[in-house]
Amino acid sequence: MNLSIQFVKMPSSEALTAYTQKKFEKLEKKYSWLIHAEVSFKVNNDDVTKGKICEAELSLPGPRIFAISNEKNFEMAVKETISDLEKQLKKRKATFSHH
């Protein structure tokens, strides 16, 4: 699986990039049929309590799946986004028919 990480209107972070890659590698081990992941990080300055946004879109056989989360730090946002993606992937895997 290819992984693209973007930092929108904010400086890039090597630590956050490494953390995100590690989390998506775990996801890829469970679901080997993933093709590509696009992850973007944003800051919402209007949201005082949270405001750290992580968006992810996965390319896989069939329609793409998308998840977004808004948390108080980026690590929590990545975890929540991957959790949402995993729920969708479980549903998608159940629809695959094995011949």
PDB file of N, CA and C in Angstrom:
ATOM      1  N   MET A   1       0.850  -1.184   0.000  1.00  0.00           N
ATOM      2  CA  MET A   1       0.000   0.000   0.000  1.00  0.00           C
ATOM      3  C   MET A   1       0.889   1.239   0.000  1.00  0.00           C
ATOM      4  N   ASN A   2       0.537   2.190  -0.833  1.00  0.00           N
ATOM      5  CA  ASN A   2       1.217   3.478  -0.842  1.00  0.00           C
ATOM      6  C   ASN A   2       0.536   4.401   0.164  1.00  0.00           C
ATOM      7  N   LEU A   3       1.335   5.241   0.821  1.00  0.00           N
ATOM      8  CA  LEU A   3       0.797   6.165   1.809  1.00  0.00           C
ATOM      9  C   LEU A   3       1.269   7.572   1.484  1.00  0.00           C
ATOM     10  N   SER A   4       0.315   8.488   1.326  1.00  0.00           N
ATOM     11  CA  SER A   4       0.620   9.905   1.095  1.00  0.00           C
ATOM     12  C   SER A   4       0.127  10.695   2.291  1.00  0.00           C
ATOM     13  N   ILE A   5       1.015  11.508   2.859  1.00  0.00           N
ATOM     14  CA  ILE A   5       0.661  12.313   4.028  1.00  0.00           C
ATOM     15  C   ILE A   5       0.857  13.780   3.678  1.00  0.00           C
ATOM     16  N   GLN A   6      -0.188  14.590   3.940  1.00  0.00           N
ATOM     17  CA  GLN A   6      -0.118  16.029   3.679  1.00  0.00           C
ATOM     18  C   GLN A   6      -0.382  16.792   4.972  1.00  0.00           C
ATOM     19  N   PHE A   7       0.326  17.884   5.118  1.00  0.00           N
ATOM     20  CA  PHE A   7       0.098  18.804   6.231  1.00  0.00           C
ATOM     21  C   PHE A   7      -0.438  20.097   5.614  1.00  0.00           C
ATOM     22  N   VAL A   8      -1.711  20.402   5.871  1.00  0.00           N
ATOM     23  CA  VAL A   8      -2.374  21.532   5.240  1.00  0.00           C
ATOM     24  C   VAL A   8      -2.221  22.786   6.105  1.00  0.00           C
ATOM     25  N   LYS A   9      -1.555  23.793   5.545  1.00  0.00           N
ATOM     26  CA  LYS A   9      -1.339  25.082   6.216  1.00  0.00           C
ATOM     27  C   LYS A   9      -0.738  24.932   7.612  1.00  0.00           C
ATOM     28  N   MET A  10       0.240  24.016   7.723  1.00  0.00           N
ATOM     29  CA  MET A  10       0.944  23.804   8.977  1.00  0.00           C
ATOM     30  C   MET A  10       2.281  23.144   8.665  1.00  0.00           C
ATOM     31  N   PRO A  11       3.266  23.261   9.554  1.00  0.00           N
ATOM     32  CA  PRO A  11       4.567  22.638   9.286  1.00  0.00           C
ATOM     33  C   PRO A  11       4.476  21.117   9.390  1.00  0.00           C
ATOM     34  N   SER A  12       5.278  20.433   8.578  1.00  0.00           N
ATOM     35  CA  SER A  12       5.276  18.972   8.638  1.00  0.00           C
ATOM     36  C   SER A  12       6.002  18.495   9.893  1.00  0.00           C
ATOM     37  N   SER A  13       5.684  17.290  10.305  1.00  0.00           N
ATOM     38  CA  SER A  13       6.247  16.719  11.524  1.00  0.00           C
ATOM     39  C   SER A  13       6.744  15.313  11.233  1.00  0.00           C
ATOM     40  N   GLU A  14       8.047  15.079  11.445  1.00  0.00           N
ATOM     41  CA  GLU A  14       8.625  13.751  11.229  1.00  0.00           C
ATOM     42  C   GLU A  14       8.041  12.739  12.207  1.00  0.00           C
ATOM     43  N   ALA A  15       7.833  13.141  13.456  1.00  0.00           N
ATOM     44  CA  ALA A  15       7.297  12.235  14.476  1.00  0.00           C
ATOM     45  C   ALA A  15       5.870  11.813  14.123  1.00  0.00           C
ATOM     46  N   LEU A  16       5.061  12.764  13.706  1.00  0.00           N
ATOM     47  CA  LEU A  16       3.683  12.457  13.338  1.00  0.00           C
ATOM     48  C   LEU A  16       3.633  11.597  12.072  1.00  0.00           C
ATOM     49  N   THR A  17       4.519  11.862  11.134  1.00  0.00           N
ATOM     50  CA  THR A  17       4.598  11.052   9.920  1.00  0.00           C
ATOM     51  C   THR A  17       4.956   9.613  10.270  1.00  0.00           C
ATOM     52  N   ALA A  18       5.944   9.418  11.127  1.00  0.00           N
ATOM     53  CA  ALA A  18       6.361   8.070  11.533  1.00  0.00           C
ATOM     54  C   ALA A  18       5.235   7.354  12.278  1.00  0.00           C
ATOM     55  N   TYR A  19       4.570   8.066  13.164  1.00  0.00           N
ATOM     56  CA  TYR A  19       3.455   7.492  13.926  1.00  0.00           C
ATOM     57  C   TYR A  19       2.334   7.036  12.981  1.00  0.00           C
ATOM     58  N   THR A  20       2.006   7.890  12.024  1.00  0.00           N
ATOM     59  CA  THR A  20       0.942   7.581  11.066  1.00  0.00           C
ATOM     60  C   THR A  20       1.322   6.386  10.204  1.00  0.00           C
ATOM     61  N   GLN A  21       2.572   6.341   9.738  1.00  0.00           N
ATOM     62  CA  GLN A  21       3.025   5.214   8.922  1.00  0.00           C
ATOM     63  C   GLN A  21       2.924   3.910   9.702  1.00  0.00           C
ATOM     64  N   LYS A  22       3.311   3.940  10.966  1.00  0.00           N
ATOM     65  CA  LYS A  22       3.254   2.745  11.813  1.00  0.00           C
ATOM     66  C   LYS A  22       1.813   2.250  11.952  1.00  0.00           C
ATOM     67  N   LYS A  23       0.882   3.154  12.190  1.00  0.00           N
ATOM     68  CA  LYS A  23      -0.527   2.782  12.355  1.00  0.00           C
ATOM     69  C   LYS A  23      -1.112   2.224  11.051  1.00  0.00           C
ATOM     70  N   PHE A  24      -0.764   2.831   9.923  1.00  0.00           N
ATOM     71  CA  PHE A  24      -1.300   2.352   8.651  1.00  0.00           C
ATOM     72  C   PHE A  24      -0.654   1.039   8.221  1.00  0.00           C
ATOM     73  N   GLU A  25       0.591   0.772   8.644  1.00  0.00           N
ATOM     74  CA  GLU A  25       1.223  -0.517   8.362  1.00  0.00           C
ATOM     75  C   GLU A  25       0.468  -1.637   9.065  1.00  0.00           C
ATOM     76  N   LYS A  26       0.028  -1.384  10.294  1.00  0.00           N
ATOM     77  CA  LYS A  26      -0.769  -2.376  11.018  1.00  0.00           C
ATOM     78  C   LYS A  26      -2.076  -2.647  10.284  1.00  0.00           C
ATOM     79  N   LEU A  27      -2.687  -1.594   9.773  1.00  0.00           N
ATOM     80  CA  LEU A  27      -3.936  -1.732   9.027  1.00  0.00           C
ATOM     81  C   LEU A  27      -3.703  -2.547   7.749  1.00  0.00           C
ATOM     82  N   GLU A  28      -2.578  -2.298   7.093  1.00  0.00           N
ATOM     83  CA  GLU A  28      -2.263  -3.014   5.856  1.00  0.00           C
ATOM     84  C   GLU A  28      -2.021  -4.500   6.114  1.00  0.00           C
ATOM     85  N   LYS A  29      -1.447  -4.838   7.262  1.00  0.00           N
ATOM     86  CA  LYS A  29      -1.205  -6.249   7.585  1.00  0.00           C
ATOM     87  C   LYS A  29      -2.527  -7.003   7.725  1.00  0.00           C
ATOM     88  N   LYS A  30      -3.536  -6.340   8.276  1.00  0.00           N
ATOM     89  CA  LYS A  30      -4.850  -6.971   8.437  1.00  0.00           C
ATOM     90  C   LYS A  30      -5.585  -7.071   7.107  1.00  0.00           C
ATOM     91  N   TYR A  31      -5.430  -6.045   6.269  1.00  0.00           N
ATOM     92  CA  TYR A  31      -6.167  -5.961   5.013  1.00  0.00           C
ATOM     93  C   TYR A  31      -5.170  -5.785   3.872  1.00  0.00           C
ATOM     94  N   SER A  32      -4.685  -6.896   3.349  1.00  0.00           N
ATOM     95  CA  SER A  32      -3.617  -6.863   2.345  1.00  0.00           C
ATOM     96  C   SER A  32      -4.069  -6.296   1.006  1.00  0.00           C
ATOM     97  N   TRP A  33      -5.377  -6.164   0.780  1.00  0.00           N
ATOM     98  CA  TRP A  33      -5.893  -5.706  -0.504  1.00  0.00           C
ATOM     99  C   TRP A  33      -6.010  -4.182  -0.592  1.00  0.00           C
ATOM    100  N   LEU A  34      -5.483  -3.462   0.379  1.00  0.00           N
ATOM    101  CA  LEU A  34      -5.484  -1.995   0.305  1.00  0.00           C
ATOM    102  C   LEU A  34      -4.489  -1.543  -0.756  1.00  0.00           C
ATOM    103  N   ILE A  35      -4.859  -0.526  -1.514  1.00  0.00           N
ATOM    104  CA  ILE A  35      -4.014  -0.053  -2.612  1.00  0.00           C
ATOM    105  C   ILE A  35      -3.264   1.221  -2.227  1.00  0.00           C
ATOM    106  N   HIS A  36      -4.002   2.227  -1.742  1.00  0.00           N
ATOM    107  CA  HIS A  36      -3.396   3.533  -1.481  1.00  0.00           C
ATOM    108  C   HIS A  36      -4.146   4.234  -0.353  1.00  0.00           C
ATOM    109  N   ALA A  37      -3.405   4.981   0.452  1.00  0.00           N
ATOM    110  CA  ALA A  37      -4.020   5.780   1.517  1.00  0.00           C
ATOM    111  C   ALA A  37      -3.540   7.219   1.388  1.00  0.00           C
ATOM    112  N   GLU A  38      -4.485   8.146   1.464  1.00  0.00           N
ATOM    113  CA  GLU A  38      -4.158   9.573   1.473  1.00  0.00           C
ATOM    114  C   GLU A  38      -4.592  10.130   2.822  1.00  0.00           C
ATOM    115  N   VAL A  39      -3.639  10.671   3.557  1.00  0.00           N
ATOM    116  CA  VAL A  39      -3.916  11.204   4.893  1.00  0.00           C
ATOM    117  C   VAL A  39      -3.560  12.686   4.892  1.00  0.00           C
ATOM    118  N   SER A  40      -4.421  13.504   5.483  1.00  0.00           N
ATOM    119  CA  SER A  40      -4.107  14.925   5.601  1.00  0.00           C
ATOM    120  C   SER A  40      -4.390  15.391   7.025  1.00  0.00           C
ATOM    121  N   PHE A  41      -3.542  16.277   7.480  1.00  0.00           N
ATOM    122  CA  PHE A  41      -3.670  16.862   8.818  1.00  0.00           C
ATOM    123  C   PHE A  41      -3.966  18.347   8.684  1.00  0.00           C
ATOM    124  N   LYS A  42      -4.907  18.827   9.492  1.00  0.00           N
ATOM    125  CA  LYS A  42      -5.289  20.237   9.485  1.00  0.00           C
ATOM    126  C   LYS A  42      -5.475  20.705  10.916  1.00  0.00           C
ATOM    127  N   VAL A  43      -5.411  22.008  11.101  1.00  0.00           N
ATOM    128  CA  VAL A  43      -5.706  22.606  12.401  1.00  0.00           C
ATOM    129  C   VAL A  43      -6.907  23.520  12.235  1.00  0.00           C
ATOM    130  N   ASN A  44      -7.906  23.341  13.086  1.00  0.00           N
ATOM    131  CA  ASN A  44      -9.083  24.207  13.089  1.00  0.00           C
ATOM    132  C   ASN A  44      -8.949  25.141  14.291  1.00  0.00           C
ATOM    133  N   ASN A  45      -8.565  26.372  14.049  1.00  0.00           N
ATOM    134  CA  ASN A  45      -8.345  27.324  15.135  1.00  0.00           C
ATOM    135  C   ASN A  45      -9.632  27.797  15.788  1.00  0.00           C
ATOM    136  N   ASP A  46     -10.773  27.568  15.140  1.00  0.00           N
ATOM    137  CA  ASP A  46     -12.057  27.974  15.702  1.00  0.00           C
ATOM    138  C   ASP A  46     -12.500  27.063  16.842  1.00  0.00           C
ATOM    139  N   ASP A  47     -12.036  25.818  16.825  1.00  0.00           N
ATOM    140  CA  ASP A  47     -12.430  24.837  17.835  1.00  0.00           C
ATOM    141  C   ASP A  47     -11.424  24.885  18.989  1.00  0.00           C
ATOM    142  N   VAL A  48     -11.835  25.417  20.132  1.00  0.00           N
ATOM    143  CA  VAL A  48     -10.921  25.617  21.263  1.00  0.00           C
ATOM    144  C   VAL A  48     -10.559  24.300  21.945  1.00  0.00           C
ATOM    145  N   THR A  49     -11.531  23.389  22.122  1.00  0.00           N
ATOM    146  CA  THR A  49     -11.274  22.162  22.865  1.00  0.00           C
ATOM    147  C   THR A  49     -10.566  21.096  22.045  1.00  0.00           C
ATOM    148  N   LYS A  50     -10.834  21.035  20.747  1.00  0.00           N
ATOM    149  CA  LYS A  50     -10.215  19.999  19.913  1.00  0.00           C
ATOM    150  C   LYS A  50      -9.406  20.686  18.818  1.00  0.00           C
ATOM    151  N   GLY A  51      -9.841  20.611  17.583  1.00  0.00           N
ATOM    152  CA  GLY A  51      -9.211  21.383  16.525  1.00  0.00           C
ATOM    153  C   GLY A  51      -8.108  20.705  15.750  1.00  0.00           C
ATOM    154  N   LYS A  52      -7.685  19.497  16.150  1.00  0.00           N
ATOM    155  CA  LYS A  52      -6.668  18.762  15.396  1.00  0.00           C
ATOM    156  C   LYS A  52      -7.402  17.736  14.536  1.00  0.00           C
ATOM    157  N   ILE A  53      -7.361  17.942  13.218  1.00  0.00           N
ATOM    158  CA  ILE A  53      -8.163  17.149  12.295  1.00  0.00           C
ATOM    159  C   ILE A  53      -7.273  16.209  11.484  1.00  0.00           C
ATOM    160  N   CYS A  54      -7.712  14.956  11.404  1.00  0.00           N
ATOM    161  CA  CYS A  54      -7.055  13.956  10.561  1.00  0.00           C
ATOM    162  C   CYS A  54      -8.097  13.399   9.607  1.00  0.00           C
ATOM    163  N   GLU A  55      -7.802  13.477   8.308  1.00  0.00           N
ATOM    164  CA  GLU A  55      -8.674  12.921   7.276  1.00  0.00           C
ATOM    165  C   GLU A  55      -7.912  11.823   6.565  1.00  0.00           C
ATOM    166  N   ALA A  56      -8.604  10.736   6.234  1.00  0.00           N
ATOM    167  CA  ALA A  56      -7.964   9.649   5.498  1.00  0.00           C
ATOM    168  C   ALA A  56      -8.925   9.090   4.462  1.00  0.00           C
ATOM    169  N   GLU A  57      -8.376   8.804   3.294  1.00  0.00           N
ATOM    170  CA  GLU A  57      -9.147   8.180   2.220  1.00  0.00           C
ATOM    171  C   GLU A  57      -8.366   6.971   1.729  1.00  0.00           C
ATOM    172  N   LEU A  58      -9.033   5.821   1.672  1.00  0.00           N
ATOM    173  CA  LEU A  58      -8.385   4.590   1.243  1.00  0.00           C
ATOM    174  C   LEU A  58      -8.889   4.166  -0.127  1.00  0.00           C
ATOM    175  N   SER A  59      -7.945   3.793  -0.994  1.00  0.00           N
ATOM    176  CA  SER A  59      -8.285   3.196  -2.281  1.00  0.00           C
ATOM    177  C   SER A  59      -8.176   1.688  -2.119  1.00  0.00           C
ATOM    178  N   LEU A  60      -9.191   0.994  -2.578  1.00  0.00           N
ATOM    179  CA  LEU A  60      -9.240  -0.451  -2.481  1.00  0.00           C
ATOM    180  C   LEU A  60     -10.195  -0.952  -3.539  1.00  0.00           C
ATOM    181  N   PRO A  61     -10.302  -2.266  -3.736  1.00  0.00           N
ATOM    182  CA  PRO A  61     -11.270  -2.750  -4.715  1.00  0.00           C
ATOM    183  C   PRO A  61     -12.678  -2.265  -4.361  1.00  0.00           C
ATOM    184  N   GLY A  62     -13.368  -1.700  -5.319  1.00  0.00           N
ATOM    185  CA  GLY A  62     -14.693  -1.134  -5.065  1.00  0.00           C
ATOM    186  C   GLY A  62     -14.567   0.342  -4.744  1.00  0.00           C
ATOM    187  N   PRO A  63     -15.628   0.933  -4.195  1.00  0.00           N
ATOM    188  CA  PRO A  63     -15.588   2.368  -3.882  1.00  0.00           C
ATOM    189  C   PRO A  63     -14.569   2.701  -2.799  1.00  0.00           C
ATOM    190  N   ARG A  64     -14.039   3.908  -2.854  1.00  0.00           N
ATOM    191  CA  ARG A  64     -13.109   4.373  -1.829  1.00  0.00           C
ATOM    192  C   ARG A  64     -13.848   4.563  -0.518  1.00  0.00           C
ATOM    193  N   ILE A  65     -13.097   4.477   0.585  1.00  0.00           N
ATOM    194  CA  ILE A  65     -13.706   4.765   1.882  1.00  0.00           C
ATOM    195  C   ILE A  65     -12.978   5.951   2.510  1.00  0.00           C
ATOM    196  N   PHE A  66     -13.706   6.684   3.344  1.00  0.00           N
ATOM    197  CA  PHE A  66     -13.217   7.947   3.884  1.00  0.00           C
ATOM    198  C   PHE A  66     -13.563   8.035   5.364  1.00  0.00           C
ATOM    199  N   ALA A  67     -12.663   8.630   6.143  1.00  0.00           N
ATOM    200  CA  ALA A  67     -12.940   8.876   7.561  1.00  0.00           C
ATOM    201  C   ALA A  67     -12.255  10.175   7.968  1.00  0.00           C
ATOM    202  N   ILE A  68     -12.863  10.856   8.925  1.00  0.00           N
ATOM    203  CA  ILE A  68     -12.318  12.110   9.437  1.00  0.00           C
ATOM    204  C   ILE A  68     -12.572  12.160  10.934  1.00  0.00           C
ATOM    205  N   SER A  69     -11.610  12.721  11.673  1.00  0.00           N
ATOM    206  CA  SER A  69     -11.833  12.897  13.108  1.00  0.00           C
ATOM    207  C   SER A  69     -11.218  14.212  13.568  1.00  0.00           C
ATOM    208  N   ASN A  70     -11.791  14.742  14.628  1.00  0.00           N
ATOM    209  CA  ASN A  70     -11.367  16.017  15.205  1.00  0.00           C
ATOM    210  C   ASN A  70     -11.129  15.775  16.694  1.00  0.00           C
ATOM    211  N   GLU A  71      -9.865  15.831  17.108  1.00  0.00           N
ATOM    212  CA  GLU A  71      -9.509  15.526  18.497  1.00  0.00           C
ATOM    213  C   GLU A  71      -8.623  16.620  19.074  1.00  0.00           C
ATOM    214  N   LYS A  72      -8.222  16.447  20.345  1.00  0.00           N
ATOM    215  CA  LYS A  72      -7.395  17.473  20.975  1.00  0.00           C
ATOM    216  C   LYS A  72      -5.920  17.365  20.613  1.00  0.00           C
ATOM    217  N   ASN A  73      -5.477  16.194  20.084  1.00  0.00           N
ATOM    218  CA  ASN A  73      -4.123  16.109  19.526  1.00  0.00           C
ATOM    219  C   ASN A  73      -4.143  15.184  18.305  1.00  0.00           C
ATOM    220  N   PHE A  74      -3.102  15.261  17.494  1.00  0.00           N
ATOM    221  CA  PHE A  74      -3.093  14.534  16.231  1.00  0.00           C
ATOM    222  C   PHE A  74      -3.007  13.026  16.422  1.00  0.00           C
ATOM    223  N   GLU A  75      -2.306  12.562  17.452  1.00  0.00           N
ATOM    224  CA  GLU A  75      -2.200  11.127  17.689  1.00  0.00           C
ATOM    225  C   GLU A  75      -3.577  10.522  17.954  1.00  0.00           C
ATOM    226  N   MET A  76      -4.373  11.200  18.777  1.00  0.00           N
ATOM    227  CA  MET A  76      -5.734  10.727  19.044  1.00  0.00           C
ATOM    228  C   MET A  76      -6.583  10.776  17.774  1.00  0.00           C
ATOM    229  N   ALA A  77      -6.381  11.802  16.969  1.00  0.00           N
ATOM    230  CA  ALA A  77      -7.126  11.928  15.716  1.00  0.00           C
ATOM    231  C   ALA A  77      -6.783  10.782  14.766  1.00  0.00           C
ATOM    232  N   VAL A  78      -5.496  10.412  14.690  1.00  0.00           N
ATOM    233  CA  VAL A  78      -5.083   9.293  13.834  1.00  0.00           C
ATOM    234  C   VAL A  78      -5.729   8.004  14.325  1.00  0.00           C
ATOM    235  N   LYS A  79      -5.694   7.760  15.636  1.00  0.00           N
ATOM    236  CA  LYS A  79      -6.285   6.542  16.197  1.00  0.00           C
ATOM    237  C   LYS A  79      -7.773   6.467  15.894  1.00  0.00           C
ATOM    238  N   GLU A  80      -8.478   7.568  16.077  1.00  0.00           N
ATOM    239  CA  GLU A  80      -9.921   7.598  15.845  1.00  0.00           C
ATOM    240  C   GLU A  80     -10.236   7.398  14.365  1.00  0.00           C
ATOM    241  N   THR A  81      -9.461   8.021  13.489  1.00  0.00           N
ATOM    242  CA  THR A  81      -9.672   7.873  12.049  1.00  0.00           C
ATOM    243  C   THR A  81      -9.452   6.429  11.623  1.00  0.00           C
ATOM    244  N   ILE A  82      -8.383   5.809  12.100  1.00  0.00           N
ATOM    245  CA  ILE A  82      -8.100   4.416  11.740  1.00  0.00           C
ATOM    246  C   ILE A  82      -9.178   3.495  12.298  1.00  0.00           C
ATOM    247  N   SER A  83      -9.673   3.792  13.474  1.00  0.00           N
ATOM    248  CA  SER A  83     -10.766   2.999  14.052  1.00  0.00           C
ATOM    249  C   SER A  83     -12.001   3.052  13.149  1.00  0.00           C
ATOM    250  N   ASP A  84     -12.334   4.247  12.670  1.00  0.00           N
ATOM    251  CA  ASP A  84     -13.471   4.402  11.762  1.00  0.00           C
ATOM    252  C   ASP A  84     -13.236   3.648  10.444  1.00  0.00           C
ATOM    253  N   LEU A  85     -12.012   3.747   9.918  1.00  0.00           N
ATOM    254  CA  LEU A  85     -11.692   3.049   8.672  1.00  0.00           C
ATOM    255  C   LEU A  85     -11.790   1.541   8.865  1.00  0.00           C
ATOM    256  N   GLU A  86     -11.334   1.062  10.016  1.00  0.00           N
ATOM    257  CA  GLU A  86     -11.359  -0.372  10.276  1.00  0.00           C
ATOM    258  C   GLU A  86     -12.787  -0.916  10.316  1.00  0.00           C
ATOM    259  N   LYS A  87     -13.706  -0.149  10.891  1.00  0.00           N
ATOM    260  CA  LYS A  87     -15.118  -0.559  10.905  1.00  0.00           C
ATOM    261  C   LYS A  87     -15.631  -0.710   9.474  1.00  0.00           C
ATOM    262  N   GLN A  88     -15.277   0.252   8.630  1.00  0.00           N
ATOM    263  CA  GLN A  88     -15.723   0.198   7.234  1.00  0.00           C
ATOM    264  C   GLN A  88     -15.067  -0.962   6.487  1.00  0.00           C
ATOM    265  N   LEU A  89     -13.782  -1.205   6.790  1.00  0.00           N
ATOM    266  CA  LEU A  89     -13.068  -2.299   6.128  1.00  0.00           C
ATOM    267  C   LEU A  89     -13.641  -3.660   6.523  1.00  0.00           C
ATOM    268  N   LYS A  90     -14.042  -3.812   7.773  1.00  0.00           N
ATOM    269  CA  LYS A  90     -14.654  -5.076   8.211  1.00  0.00           C
ATOM    270  C   LYS A  90     -15.939  -5.337   7.442  1.00  0.00           C
ATOM    271  N   LYS A  91     -16.745  -4.286   7.256  1.00  0.00           N
ATOM    272  CA  LYS A  91     -17.975  -4.431   6.484  1.00  0.00           C
ATOM    273  C   LYS A  91     -17.661  -4.801   5.037  1.00  0.00           C
ATOM    274  N   ARG A  92     -16.651  -4.133   4.470  1.00  0.00           N
ATOM    275  CA  ARG A  92     -16.283  -4.393   3.078  1.00  0.00           C
ATOM    276  C   ARG A  92     -15.764  -5.822   2.921  1.00  0.00           C
ATOM    277  N   LYS A  93     -14.964  -6.280   3.878  1.00  0.00           N
ATOM    278  CA  LYS A  93     -14.396  -7.621   3.804  1.00  0.00           C
ATOM    279  C   LYS A  93     -15.506  -8.673   3.867  1.00  0.00           C
ATOM    280  N   ALA A  94     -16.541  -8.397   4.634  1.00  0.00           N
ATOM    281  CA  ALA A  94     -17.666  -9.335   4.751  1.00  0.00           C
ATOM    282  C   ALA A  94     -18.411  -9.477   3.438  1.00  0.00           C
ATOM    283  N   THR A  95     -18.373  -8.451   2.585  1.00  0.00           N
ATOM    284  CA  THR A  95     -19.087  -8.528   1.314  1.00  0.00           C
ATOM    285  C   THR A  95     -18.290  -9.238   0.230  1.00  0.00           C
ATOM    286  N   PHE A  96     -16.973  -9.426   0.446  1.00  0.00           N
ATOM    287  CA  PHE A  96     -16.162 -10.140  -0.547  1.00  0.00           C
ATOM    288  C   PHE A  96     -16.624 -11.588  -0.594  1.00  0.00           C
ATOM    289  N   SER A  97     -16.712 -12.128  -1.788  1.00  0.00           N
ATOM    290  CA  SER A  97     -17.048 -13.547  -1.911  1.00  0.00           C
ATOM    291  C   SER A  97     -15.795 -14.302  -2.349  1.00  0.00           C
ATOM    292  N   HIS A  98     -15.549 -15.403  -1.709  1.00  0.00           N
ATOM    293  CA  HIS A  98     -14.371 -16.208  -2.040  1.00  0.00           C
ATOM    294  C   HIS A  98     -14.788 -17.304  -2.999  1.00  0.00           C
ATOM    295  N   HIS A  99     -14.076 -17.406  -4.103  1.00  0.00           N
ATOM    296  CA  HIS A  99     -14.406 -18.415  -5.121  1.00  0.00           C
ATOM    297  C   HIS A  99     -13.455 -19.575  -5.020  1.00  0.00           C
TER     298      HIS A  99
END
